[in-house]
Amino acid sequence: MPSMAEDLIRYDIIIQDALRSAVRKILVEVNRAGLPGEHHFYIAFETTAPGVKISNRLKERYPKEMTIVLQHQFWDLQITEHAFEVGLSFGGVPEHLYVPFSAIKGFFDPSVQFALEFEPGKTGEELPAEFRIAERDLDSVEEFHARLETAVEQAEEEEAKTASAAEDTAGDAEEDKEKSEADETSTEESGSAQVVSLDAFRKKS
């Protein structure tokens, strides 16, 4: 069986971009005419992907990925060539999300069981400069956190060594004190014995 040739056209990337373009067209139509019938969407995306803009509150709650629902309560839906933004409520708190299409992991319309899956970041399209800057910033933040964790670990190790040395010093000091007290006691006992011996000698004389 002949070996498979290398895919130089990159059909996988072309298909991914075509499907992202389909999601964009769907959202544009919804923004124009609203959701028809029972249609509604679940959209999953990586919260750490370049260009994603969500509040710190949502980042803490969804550190890697999150899924949003576009059905009844959403507002200010806007679609650009590379991203969409929308207003949603989370626990009664209004939030504004900016999501690049390149960050999307999945698109699902449960009303008709239509689903698309994506590999975030796998695109042949050139990302806007602000997305690339965001990616570099993310790398810088991760590098900073790595250095910070290393520094904290080193500080904890030094603190542990210092505490151990202090305990050893305290132990040596306690031993010296006990030895000194023992020597004093021995001296006192020795002095008392000499006095007794002297008194006994005087009585005999």
N, C-alpha and C. Protein backbone atom coordinates (compact mmCIF):
# COMPACT_ATOMS: atom_id res chain seq x y z
N MET A 1 0.85 -1.19 0.00
CA MET A 1 0.00 0.00 0.00
C MET A 1 0.89 1.25 0.00
N PRO A 2 0.68 2.14 -0.96
CA PRO A 2 1.54 3.33 -1.04
C PRO A 2 1.29 4.26 0.15
N SER A 3 2.37 4.90 0.59
CA SER A 3 2.24 5.82 1.72
C SER A 3 1.49 7.07 1.29
N MET A 4 0.77 7.66 2.26
CA MET A 4 -0.02 8.85 1.97
C MET A 4 0.89 10.07 1.83
N ALA A 5 0.63 10.87 0.81
CA ALA A 5 1.43 12.06 0.58
C ALA A 5 1.14 13.12 1.64
N GLU A 6 2.08 14.00 1.83
CA GLU A 6 1.91 15.08 2.80
C GLU A 6 0.86 16.07 2.29
N ASP A 7 -0.01 16.48 3.20
CA ASP A 7 -1.08 17.43 2.84
C ASP A 7 -0.50 18.84 2.83
N LEU A 8 -0.06 19.28 1.68
CA LEU A 8 0.52 20.62 1.56
C LEU A 8 -0.55 21.69 1.38
N ILE A 9 -1.74 21.28 0.97
CA ILE A 9 -2.84 22.24 0.81
C ILE A 9 -3.43 22.60 2.17
N ARG A 10 -3.32 21.68 3.12
CA ARG A 10 -3.89 21.84 4.47
C ARG A 10 -5.41 21.97 4.41
N TYR A 11 -6.03 20.89 3.95
CA TYR A 11 -7.49 20.85 3.86
C TYR A 11 -8.13 21.04 5.23
N ASP A 12 -7.47 20.52 6.28
CA ASP A 12 -8.05 20.64 7.62
C ASP A 12 -8.22 22.10 8.02
N ILE A 13 -7.21 22.92 7.74
CA ILE A 13 -7.29 24.34 8.08
C ILE A 13 -8.33 25.05 7.22
N ILE A 14 -8.37 24.70 5.95
CA ILE A 14 -9.36 25.32 5.04
C ILE A 14 -10.78 25.02 5.53
N ILE A 15 -11.03 23.77 5.94
CA ILE A 15 -12.36 23.39 6.42
C ILE A 15 -12.69 24.12 7.72
N GLN A 16 -11.70 24.22 8.62
CA GLN A 16 -11.91 24.93 9.89
C GLN A 16 -12.31 26.39 9.64
N ASP A 17 -11.59 27.04 8.74
CA ASP A 17 -11.89 28.44 8.43
C ASP A 17 -13.26 28.58 7.78
N ALA A 18 -13.61 27.61 6.91
CA ALA A 18 -14.92 27.66 6.25
C ALA A 18 -16.05 27.50 7.26
N LEU A 19 -15.86 26.62 8.25
CA LEU A 19 -16.88 26.41 9.27
C LEU A 19 -16.99 27.63 10.19
N ARG A 20 -15.87 28.25 10.50
CA ARG A 20 -15.92 29.48 11.30
C ARG A 20 -16.66 30.57 10.54
N SER A 21 -16.44 30.62 9.24
CA SER A 21 -17.15 31.58 8.41
C SER A 21 -18.65 31.30 8.43
N ALA A 22 -19.02 30.02 8.50
CA ALA A 22 -20.44 29.65 8.59
C ALA A 22 -21.04 30.15 9.89
N VAL A 23 -20.29 29.98 11.01
CA VAL A 23 -20.77 30.48 12.31
C VAL A 23 -20.95 31.99 12.25
N ARG A 24 -20.02 32.66 11.64
CA ARG A 24 -20.12 34.13 11.51
C ARG A 24 -21.38 34.51 10.75
N LYS A 25 -21.66 33.82 9.63
CA LYS A 25 -22.85 34.13 8.82
C LYS A 25 -24.13 33.86 9.60
N ILE A 26 -24.13 32.79 10.41
CA ILE A 26 -25.29 32.48 11.24
C ILE A 26 -25.56 33.60 12.23
N LEU A 27 -24.50 34.08 12.90
CA LEU A 27 -24.66 35.15 13.89
C LEU A 27 -25.07 36.46 13.23
N VAL A 28 -24.54 36.72 12.06
CA VAL A 28 -24.94 37.93 11.33
C VAL A 28 -26.43 37.89 11.02
N GLU A 29 -26.93 36.74 10.59
CA GLU A 29 -28.35 36.59 10.28
C GLU A 29 -29.21 36.75 11.53
N VAL A 30 -28.76 36.16 12.64
CA VAL A 30 -29.49 36.30 13.90
C VAL A 30 -29.51 37.75 14.35
N ASN A 31 -28.39 38.43 14.18
CA ASN A 31 -28.34 39.84 14.56
C ASN A 31 -29.28 40.69 13.71
N ARG A 32 -29.48 40.26 12.47
CA ARG A 32 -30.34 41.01 11.56
C ARG A 32 -31.82 40.72 11.80
N ALA A 33 -32.16 39.44 11.98
CA ALA A 33 -33.58 39.07 12.03
C ALA A 33 -34.01 38.41 13.34
N GLY A 34 -33.08 38.14 14.26
CA GLY A 34 -33.42 37.47 15.49
C GLY A 34 -33.40 35.96 15.33
N LEU A 35 -33.58 35.26 16.44
CA LEU A 35 -33.59 33.80 16.41
C LEU A 35 -34.94 33.28 15.92
N PRO A 36 -34.97 32.53 14.83
CA PRO A 36 -36.25 32.02 14.31
C PRO A 36 -36.69 30.74 15.04
N GLY A 37 -37.98 30.60 15.26
CA GLY A 37 -38.52 29.37 15.84
C GLY A 37 -37.88 29.01 17.17
N GLU A 38 -37.49 27.73 17.27
CA GLU A 38 -36.89 27.22 18.51
C GLU A 38 -35.36 27.25 18.46
N HIS A 39 -34.79 27.83 17.43
CA HIS A 39 -33.33 27.84 17.31
C HIS A 39 -32.68 28.61 18.46
N HIS A 40 -31.63 28.06 19.00
CA HIS A 40 -30.77 28.76 19.97
C HIS A 40 -29.41 28.07 19.94
N PHE A 41 -28.39 28.78 20.44
CA PHE A 41 -27.02 28.31 20.25
C PHE A 41 -26.25 28.17 21.56
N TYR A 42 -25.46 27.12 21.61
CA TYR A 42 -24.44 26.96 22.64
C TYR A 42 -23.08 27.18 21.95
N ILE A 43 -22.30 28.11 22.47
CA ILE A 43 -21.00 28.40 21.88
C ILE A 43 -19.93 28.23 22.97
N ALA A 44 -19.03 27.28 22.74
CA ALA A 44 -17.92 27.03 23.68
C ALA A 44 -16.65 27.66 23.12
N PHE A 45 -15.87 28.29 23.99
CA PHE A 45 -14.62 28.91 23.54
C PHE A 45 -13.59 28.89 24.66
N GLU A 46 -12.33 29.02 24.25
CA GLU A 46 -11.22 29.07 25.21
C GLU A 46 -11.11 30.48 25.77
N THR A 47 -11.13 30.59 27.08
CA THR A 47 -11.05 31.91 27.71
C THR A 47 -9.62 32.47 27.70
N THR A 48 -8.63 31.60 27.41
CA THR A 48 -7.23 32.06 27.38
C THR A 48 -6.74 32.32 25.97
N ALA A 49 -7.61 32.14 24.99
CA ALA A 49 -7.19 32.31 23.59
C ALA A 49 -6.88 33.78 23.30
N PRO A 50 -5.97 34.05 22.37
CA PRO A 50 -5.62 35.44 22.02
C PRO A 50 -6.85 36.21 21.56
N GLY A 51 -6.99 37.43 22.11
CA GLY A 51 -8.08 38.30 21.70
C GLY A 51 -9.33 38.22 22.53
N VAL A 52 -9.50 37.15 23.33
CA VAL A 52 -10.69 37.02 24.16
C VAL A 52 -10.70 38.09 25.25
N LYS A 53 -11.85 38.75 25.41
CA LYS A 53 -11.97 39.79 26.42
C LYS A 53 -13.21 39.50 27.28
N ILE A 54 -12.97 39.10 28.52
CA ILE A 54 -14.03 38.89 29.49
C ILE A 54 -13.57 39.47 30.82
N SER A 55 -14.52 39.64 31.73
CA SER A 55 -14.18 40.24 33.02
C SER A 55 -13.30 39.31 33.85
N ASN A 56 -12.60 39.88 34.82
CA ASN A 56 -11.77 39.08 35.73
C ASN A 56 -12.63 38.09 36.51
N ARG A 57 -13.85 38.49 36.80
CA ARG A 57 -14.77 37.61 37.52
C ARG A 57 -15.02 36.34 36.73
N LEU A 58 -15.25 36.48 35.43
CA LEU A 58 -15.49 35.31 34.59
C LEU A 58 -14.20 34.50 34.38
N LYS A 59 -13.06 35.20 34.28
CA LYS A 59 -11.79 34.50 34.12
C LYS A 59 -11.51 33.61 35.32
N GLU A 60 -11.81 34.09 36.52
CA GLU A 60 -11.59 33.29 37.72
C GLU A 60 -12.53 32.09 37.76
N ARG A 61 -13.75 32.30 37.28
CA ARG A 61 -14.74 31.23 37.30
C ARG A 61 -14.50 30.21 36.18
N TYR A 62 -14.02 30.72 35.03
CA TYR A 62 -13.77 29.86 33.87
C TYR A 62 -12.33 30.09 33.39
N PRO A 63 -11.35 29.51 34.07
CA PRO A 63 -9.94 29.79 33.75
C PRO A 63 -9.46 29.22 32.42
N LYS A 64 -10.17 28.23 31.86
CA LYS A 64 -9.72 27.62 30.61
C LYS A 64 -10.73 27.77 29.48
N GLU A 65 -11.97 27.43 29.74
CA GLU A 65 -12.99 27.54 28.69
C GLU A 65 -14.36 27.76 29.32
N MET A 66 -15.29 28.24 28.52
CA MET A 66 -16.65 28.43 28.99
C MET A 66 -17.61 28.27 27.82
N THR A 67 -18.86 28.01 28.14
CA THR A 67 -19.90 27.87 27.13
C THR A 67 -21.01 28.87 27.42
N ILE A 68 -21.38 29.64 26.42
CA ILE A 68 -22.45 30.61 26.56
C ILE A 68 -23.66 30.15 25.76
N VAL A 69 -24.83 30.65 26.14
CA VAL A 69 -26.08 30.30 25.46
C VAL A 69 -26.70 31.57 24.89
N LEU A 70 -26.95 31.55 23.61
CA LEU A 70 -27.65 32.65 22.96
C LEU A 70 -29.07 32.18 22.68
N GLN A 71 -29.99 32.64 23.53
CA GLN A 71 -31.38 32.21 23.38
C GLN A 71 -32.34 33.35 23.65
N HIS A 72 -32.69 33.55 24.91
CA HIS A 72 -33.68 34.58 25.24
C HIS A 72 -33.04 35.89 25.69
N GLN A 73 -32.10 35.79 26.61
CA GLN A 73 -31.56 36.99 27.24
C GLN A 73 -30.12 37.25 26.80
N PHE A 74 -29.98 37.96 25.72
CA PHE A 74 -28.67 38.48 25.30
C PHE A 74 -28.92 39.80 24.58
N TRP A 75 -27.88 40.64 24.55
CA TRP A 75 -28.06 41.96 23.97
C TRP A 75 -26.75 42.46 23.36
N ASP A 76 -26.87 43.52 22.59
CA ASP A 76 -25.70 44.18 21.96
C ASP A 76 -24.83 43.19 21.18
N LEU A 77 -25.47 42.27 20.46
CA LEU A 77 -24.71 41.33 19.63
C LEU A 77 -24.12 42.09 18.45
N GLN A 78 -22.81 42.00 18.31
CA GLN A 78 -22.12 42.64 17.20
C GLN A 78 -21.12 41.66 16.60
N ILE A 79 -21.03 41.66 15.29
CA ILE A 79 -20.16 40.72 14.59
C ILE A 79 -19.20 41.48 13.68
N THR A 80 -17.92 41.17 13.81
CA THR A 80 -16.92 41.74 12.91
C THR A 80 -16.34 40.62 12.06
N GLU A 81 -15.33 40.91 11.29
CA GLU A 81 -14.73 39.88 10.43
C GLU A 81 -14.08 38.77 11.24
N HIS A 82 -13.49 39.12 12.39
CA HIS A 82 -12.72 38.15 13.15
C HIS A 82 -13.33 37.76 14.48
N ALA A 83 -14.39 38.42 14.93
CA ALA A 83 -14.90 38.16 16.28
C ALA A 83 -16.36 38.57 16.40
N PHE A 84 -16.95 38.16 17.53
CA PHE A 84 -18.28 38.67 17.88
C PHE A 84 -18.24 39.11 19.33
N GLU A 85 -19.12 40.02 19.68
CA GLU A 85 -19.26 40.45 21.06
C GLU A 85 -20.73 40.48 21.43
N VAL A 86 -21.00 40.24 22.70
CA VAL A 86 -22.39 40.12 23.13
C VAL A 86 -22.50 40.41 24.62
N GLY A 87 -23.68 40.85 25.04
CA GLY A 87 -23.97 41.06 26.45
C GLY A 87 -24.80 39.91 26.98
N LEU A 88 -24.40 39.38 28.14
CA LEU A 88 -25.11 38.27 28.77
C LEU A 88 -25.16 38.50 30.28
N SER A 89 -26.10 37.81 30.92
CA SER A 89 -26.20 37.91 32.38
C SER A 89 -25.74 36.61 33.01
N PHE A 90 -24.84 36.73 34.01
CA PHE A 90 -24.34 35.56 34.74
C PHE A 90 -24.66 35.75 36.22
N GLY A 91 -25.60 34.95 36.71
CA GLY A 91 -26.00 35.08 38.11
C GLY A 91 -26.59 36.44 38.41
N GLY A 92 -27.29 37.01 37.45
CA GLY A 92 -27.91 38.32 37.64
C GLY A 92 -26.96 39.49 37.42
N VAL A 93 -25.71 39.20 37.07
CA VAL A 93 -24.71 40.25 36.84
C VAL A 93 -24.48 40.38 35.33
N PRO A 94 -24.73 41.55 34.75
CA PRO A 94 -24.51 41.73 33.30
C PRO A 94 -23.03 41.73 32.96
N GLU A 95 -22.68 41.05 31.88
CA GLU A 95 -21.30 40.96 31.44
C GLU A 95 -21.22 41.22 29.94
N HIS A 96 -20.07 41.72 29.51
CA HIS A 96 -19.82 41.94 28.09
C HIS A 96 -18.66 41.05 27.66
N LEU A 97 -18.87 40.26 26.61
CA LEU A 97 -17.86 39.32 26.15
C LEU A 97 -17.44 39.64 24.72
N TYR A 98 -16.15 39.51 24.48
CA TYR A 98 -15.59 39.69 23.13
C TYR A 98 -14.86 38.40 22.79
N VAL A 99 -15.34 37.70 21.76
CA VAL A 99 -14.83 36.36 21.46
C VAL A 99 -14.40 36.27 19.99
N PRO A 100 -13.12 36.11 19.71
CA PRO A 100 -12.65 35.87 18.34
C PRO A 100 -13.17 34.52 17.84
N PHE A 101 -13.48 34.43 16.57
CA PHE A 101 -13.94 33.16 16.02
C PHE A 101 -12.85 32.09 16.13
N SER A 102 -11.59 32.52 16.14
CA SER A 102 -10.48 31.57 16.25
C SER A 102 -10.41 30.93 17.64
N ALA A 103 -11.15 31.48 18.63
CA ALA A 103 -11.14 30.93 19.99
C ALA A 103 -12.24 29.90 20.20
N ILE A 104 -13.18 29.81 19.26
CA ILE A 104 -14.33 28.93 19.42
C ILE A 104 -13.92 27.46 19.36
N LYS A 105 -14.45 26.66 20.30
CA LYS A 105 -14.21 25.22 20.32
C LYS A 105 -15.40 24.44 19.79
N GLY A 106 -16.59 25.00 19.98
CA GLY A 106 -17.77 24.27 19.54
C GLY A 106 -18.97 25.18 19.34
N PHE A 107 -19.83 24.79 18.39
CA PHE A 107 -21.08 25.52 18.10
C PHE A 107 -22.17 24.46 18.01
N PHE A 108 -23.27 24.63 18.79
CA PHE A 108 -24.30 23.61 18.85
C PHE A 108 -25.68 24.26 18.89
N ASP A 109 -26.55 23.80 17.99
CA ASP A 109 -27.95 24.22 17.99
C ASP A 109 -28.79 23.00 18.37
N PRO A 110 -29.18 22.87 19.65
CA PRO A 110 -29.88 21.66 20.11
C PRO A 110 -31.27 21.50 19.50
N SER A 111 -31.85 22.56 18.98
CA SER A 111 -33.20 22.46 18.42
C SER A 111 -33.23 21.56 17.19
N VAL A 112 -32.12 21.49 16.46
CA VAL A 112 -32.05 20.65 15.25
C VAL A 112 -30.85 19.70 15.30
N GLN A 113 -30.21 19.62 16.50
CA GLN A 113 -29.07 18.73 16.69
C GLN A 113 -27.95 18.99 15.67
N PHE A 114 -27.66 20.28 15.48
CA PHE A 114 -26.59 20.66 14.57
C PHE A 114 -25.37 21.07 15.39
N ALA A 115 -24.22 20.48 15.08
CA ALA A 115 -23.02 20.75 15.89
C ALA A 115 -21.79 20.87 15.02
N LEU A 116 -20.91 21.76 15.44
CA LEU A 116 -19.62 21.95 14.79
C LEU A 116 -18.54 21.94 15.88
N GLU A 117 -17.40 21.33 15.57
CA GLU A 117 -16.28 21.34 16.49
C GLU A 117 -15.07 21.97 15.82
N PHE A 118 -14.28 22.68 16.64
CA PHE A 118 -13.12 23.39 16.12
C PHE A 118 -11.89 23.13 16.98
N GLU A 119 -10.73 23.37 16.39
CA GLU A 119 -9.48 23.37 17.13
C GLU A 119 -9.07 24.84 17.28
N PRO A 120 -9.21 25.40 18.49
CA PRO A 120 -8.89 26.82 18.69
C PRO A 120 -7.48 27.16 18.22
N GLY A 121 -7.35 28.25 17.51
CA GLY A 121 -6.05 28.72 17.04
C GLY A 121 -5.64 28.12 15.72
N LYS A 122 -6.35 27.08 15.26
CA LYS A 122 -6.00 26.44 13.99
C LYS A 122 -6.71 27.17 12.86
N THR A 123 -6.02 28.10 12.25
CA THR A 123 -6.60 28.91 11.20
C THR A 123 -5.53 29.34 10.21
N GLY A 124 -5.95 29.48 8.97
CA GLY A 124 -5.03 29.96 7.94
C GLY A 124 -5.12 31.46 7.75
N GLU A 125 -6.10 32.07 8.42
CA GLU A 125 -6.29 33.50 8.31
C GLU A 125 -5.29 34.23 9.21
N GLU A 126 -4.88 35.39 8.77
CA GLU A 126 -3.96 36.20 9.58
C GLU A 126 -4.75 36.91 10.66
N LEU A 127 -4.34 36.68 11.90
CA LEU A 127 -5.04 37.30 13.02
C LEU A 127 -4.72 38.79 13.09
N PRO A 128 -5.68 39.60 13.55
CA PRO A 128 -5.41 41.03 13.73
C PRO A 128 -4.23 41.26 14.67
N ALA A 129 -3.56 42.38 14.50
CA ALA A 129 -2.38 42.69 15.31
C ALA A 129 -2.69 42.66 16.80
N GLU A 130 -3.88 43.12 17.18
CA GLU A 130 -4.23 43.17 18.60
C GLU A 130 -4.34 41.76 19.19
N PHE A 131 -4.72 40.76 18.37
CA PHE A 131 -4.77 39.39 18.84
C PHE A 131 -3.37 38.87 19.08
N ARG A 132 -2.45 39.19 18.15
CA ARG A 132 -1.08 38.72 18.30
C ARG A 132 -0.40 39.36 19.49
N ILE A 133 -0.71 40.64 19.72
CA ILE A 133 -0.17 41.33 20.90
C ILE A 133 -0.70 40.67 22.16
N ALA A 134 -1.99 40.34 22.15
CA ALA A 134 -2.60 39.69 23.31
C ALA A 134 -1.94 38.35 23.59
N GLU A 135 -1.59 37.62 22.51
CA GLU A 135 -0.94 36.32 22.68
C GLU A 135 0.44 36.50 23.29
N ARG A 136 1.19 37.52 22.84
CA ARG A 136 2.50 37.78 23.43
C ARG A 136 2.36 38.20 24.88
N ASP A 137 1.33 39.01 25.16
CA ASP A 137 1.10 39.43 26.54
C ASP A 137 0.79 38.23 27.42
N LEU A 138 0.00 37.28 26.87
CA LEU A 138 -0.34 36.09 27.64
C LEU A 138 0.91 35.29 27.94
N ASP A 139 1.79 35.15 26.96
CA ASP A 139 3.05 34.43 27.17
C ASP A 139 3.88 35.13 28.25
N SER A 140 3.90 36.47 28.21
CA SER A 140 4.67 37.22 29.19
C SER A 140 4.11 37.03 30.59
N VAL A 141 2.78 37.02 30.69
CA VAL A 141 2.14 36.83 31.99
C VAL A 141 2.44 35.44 32.54
N GLU A 142 2.36 34.42 31.66
CA GLU A 142 2.66 33.06 32.09
C GLU A 142 4.13 32.94 32.55
N GLU A 143 5.03 33.60 31.79
CA GLU A 143 6.44 33.57 32.18
C GLU A 143 6.65 34.27 33.52
N PHE A 144 5.95 35.38 33.73
CA PHE A 144 6.05 36.12 35.00
C PHE A 144 5.57 35.25 36.15
N HIS A 145 4.42 34.57 35.95
CA HIS A 145 3.88 33.71 37.00
C HIS A 145 4.84 32.57 37.32
N ALA A 146 5.49 32.03 36.28
CA ALA A 146 6.45 30.95 36.50
C ALA A 146 7.63 31.44 37.35
N ARG A 147 8.13 32.65 37.01
CA ARG A 147 9.24 33.21 37.79
C ARG A 147 8.79 33.51 39.22
N LEU A 148 7.56 34.00 39.36
CA LEU A 148 7.04 34.33 40.68
C LEU A 148 6.91 33.07 41.54
N GLU A 149 6.41 31.99 40.95
CA GLU A 149 6.27 30.74 41.69
C GLU A 149 7.64 30.21 42.12
N THR A 150 8.63 30.33 41.23
CA THR A 150 9.99 29.89 41.57
C THR A 150 10.54 30.71 42.74
N ALA A 151 10.32 32.04 42.67
CA ALA A 151 10.81 32.91 43.74
C ALA A 151 10.13 32.59 45.07
N VAL A 152 8.83 32.32 45.03
CA VAL A 152 8.11 31.98 46.25
C VAL A 152 8.62 30.67 46.84
N GLU A 153 8.85 29.68 45.97
CA GLU A 153 9.38 28.40 46.44
C GLU A 153 10.75 28.57 47.08
N GLN A 154 11.61 29.38 46.44
CA GLN A 154 12.94 29.61 47.00
C GLN A 154 12.84 30.32 48.35
N ALA A 155 11.94 31.30 48.44
CA ALA A 155 11.77 32.04 49.70
C ALA A 155 11.27 31.11 50.80
N GLU A 156 10.35 30.20 50.45
CA GLU A 156 9.84 29.26 51.44
C GLU A 156 10.94 28.31 51.91
N GLU A 157 11.79 27.87 50.95
CA GLU A 157 12.90 27.00 51.32
C GLU A 157 13.87 27.71 52.25
N GLU A 158 14.20 28.97 51.94
CA GLU A 158 15.11 29.75 52.79
C GLU A 158 14.51 29.96 54.17
N GLU A 159 13.19 30.22 54.20
CA GLU A 159 12.51 30.43 55.48
C GLU A 159 12.55 29.16 56.32
N ALA A 160 12.35 28.00 55.63
CA ALA A 160 12.39 26.72 56.33
C ALA A 160 13.79 26.45 56.89
N LYS A 161 14.83 26.76 56.07
CA LYS A 161 16.21 26.57 56.53
C LYS A 161 16.50 27.47 57.72
N THR A 162 16.06 28.74 57.65
CA THR A 162 16.29 29.68 58.74
C THR A 162 15.61 29.21 60.01
N ALA A 163 14.35 28.74 59.87
CA ALA A 163 13.61 28.25 61.04
C ALA A 163 14.30 27.04 61.64
N SER A 164 14.81 26.14 60.77
CA SER A 164 15.50 24.94 61.25
C SER A 164 16.79 25.32 61.98
N ALA A 165 17.53 26.30 61.41
CA ALA A 165 18.77 26.75 62.05
C ALA A 165 18.48 27.39 63.39
N ALA A 166 17.37 28.16 63.46
CA ALA A 166 17.00 28.82 64.71
C ALA A 166 16.65 27.78 65.77
N GLU A 167 15.95 26.70 65.34
CA GLU A 167 15.60 25.64 66.27
C GLU A 167 16.86 24.94 66.80
N ASP A 168 17.81 24.69 65.87
CA ASP A 168 19.07 24.05 66.28
C ASP A 168 19.82 24.93 67.27
N THR A 169 19.87 26.24 66.98
CA THR A 169 20.56 27.18 67.87
C THR A 169 19.90 27.22 69.24
N ALA A 170 18.54 27.24 69.22
CA ALA A 170 17.80 27.26 70.48
C ALA A 170 18.06 25.97 71.26
N GLY A 171 18.13 24.84 70.54
CA GLY A 171 18.39 23.57 71.19
C GLY A 171 19.78 23.54 71.81
N ASP A 172 20.78 24.06 71.08
CA ASP A 172 22.15 24.11 71.62
C ASP A 172 22.21 25.00 72.84
N ALA A 173 21.50 26.15 72.76
CA ALA A 173 21.50 27.08 73.89
C ALA A 173 20.86 26.43 75.11
N GLU A 174 19.78 25.67 74.88
CA GLU A 174 19.10 25.00 75.99
C GLU A 174 20.02 23.94 76.61
N GLU A 175 20.73 23.20 75.72
CA GLU A 175 21.67 22.20 76.23
C GLU A 175 22.78 22.84 77.04
N ASP A 176 23.32 23.99 76.54
CA ASP A 176 24.37 24.70 77.27
C ASP A 176 23.87 25.17 78.62
N LYS A 177 22.61 25.65 78.63
CA LYS A 177 22.03 26.14 79.88
C LYS A 177 21.89 25.00 80.89
N GLU A 178 21.37 23.86 80.38
CA GLU A 178 21.19 22.71 81.26
C GLU A 178 22.54 22.23 81.79
N LYS A 179 23.57 22.23 80.90
CA LYS A 179 24.91 21.80 81.32
C LYS A 179 25.48 22.75 82.36
N SER A 180 25.24 24.06 82.14
CA SER A 180 25.75 25.07 83.09
C SER A 180 25.08 24.90 84.44
N GLU A 181 23.75 24.66 84.42
CA GLU A 181 23.03 24.48 85.67
C GLU A 181 23.51 23.22 86.38
N ALA A 182 23.79 22.20 85.59
CA ALA A 182 24.29 20.94 86.18
C ALA A 182 25.66 21.16 86.82
N ASP A 183 26.52 21.95 86.15
CA ASP A 183 27.85 22.23 86.70
C ASP A 183 27.74 23.01 87.99
N GLU A 184 26.79 24.00 88.02
CA GLU A 184 26.63 24.81 89.23
C GLU A 184 26.15 23.94 90.38
N THR A 185 25.20 23.04 90.05
CA THR A 185 24.68 22.15 91.08
C THR A 185 25.79 21.25 91.62
N SER A 186 26.61 20.75 90.71
CA SER A 186 27.73 19.89 91.12
C SER A 186 28.70 20.64 92.01
N THR A 187 28.96 21.91 91.64
CA THR A 187 29.88 22.73 92.44
C THR A 187 29.34 22.98 93.82
N GLU A 188 28.01 23.28 93.87
CA GLU A 188 27.39 23.55 95.17
C GLU A 188 27.46 22.32 96.05
N GLU A 189 27.14 21.15 95.39
CA GLU A 189 27.17 19.92 96.18
C GLU A 189 28.59 19.63 96.66
N SER A 190 29.56 19.91 95.80
CA SER A 190 30.95 19.68 96.18
C SER A 190 31.37 20.60 97.33
N GLY A 191 30.93 21.87 97.27
CA GLY A 191 31.25 22.84 98.34
C GLY A 191 30.61 22.43 99.66
N SER A 192 29.37 21.96 99.59
CA SER A 192 28.66 21.53 100.79
C SER A 192 29.37 20.34 101.44
N ALA A 193 29.85 19.45 100.61
CA ALA A 193 30.56 18.28 101.15
C ALA A 193 31.83 18.69 101.87
N GLN A 194 32.54 19.70 101.38
CA GLN A 194 33.77 20.17 102.02
C GLN A 194 33.46 20.80 103.38
N VAL A 195 32.35 21.54 103.45
CA VAL A 195 31.97 22.18 104.72
C VAL A 195 31.65 21.13 105.76
N VAL A 196 30.87 20.16 105.34
CA VAL A 196 30.51 19.08 106.26
C VAL A 196 31.78 18.39 106.76
N SER A 197 32.72 18.17 105.87
CA SER A 197 33.96 17.50 106.23
C SER A 197 34.74 18.34 107.22
N LEU A 198 34.74 19.66 107.02
CA LEU A 198 35.46 20.55 107.91
C LEU A 198 34.81 20.58 109.28
N ASP A 199 33.46 20.62 109.35
CA ASP A 199 32.73 20.61 110.64
C ASP A 199 33.00 19.32 111.39
N ALA A 200 33.02 18.26 110.68
CA ALA A 200 33.26 16.98 111.34
C ALA A 200 34.68 16.94 111.91
N PHE A 201 35.62 17.54 111.20
CA PHE A 201 37.00 17.59 111.68
C PHE A 201 37.08 18.41 112.94
N ARG A 202 36.33 19.58 112.98
CA ARG A 202 36.38 20.44 114.14
C ARG A 202 35.79 19.76 115.36
N LYS A 203 34.72 19.00 115.18
CA LYS A 203 34.11 18.31 116.29
C LYS A 203 35.07 17.29 116.88
N LYS A 204 35.78 16.64 115.98
CA LYS A 204 36.74 15.65 116.46
C LYS A 204 37.89 16.29 117.20
N SER A 205 38.24 17.51 116.84
CA SER A 205 39.34 18.18 117.48
C SER A 205 38.85 18.88 118.73
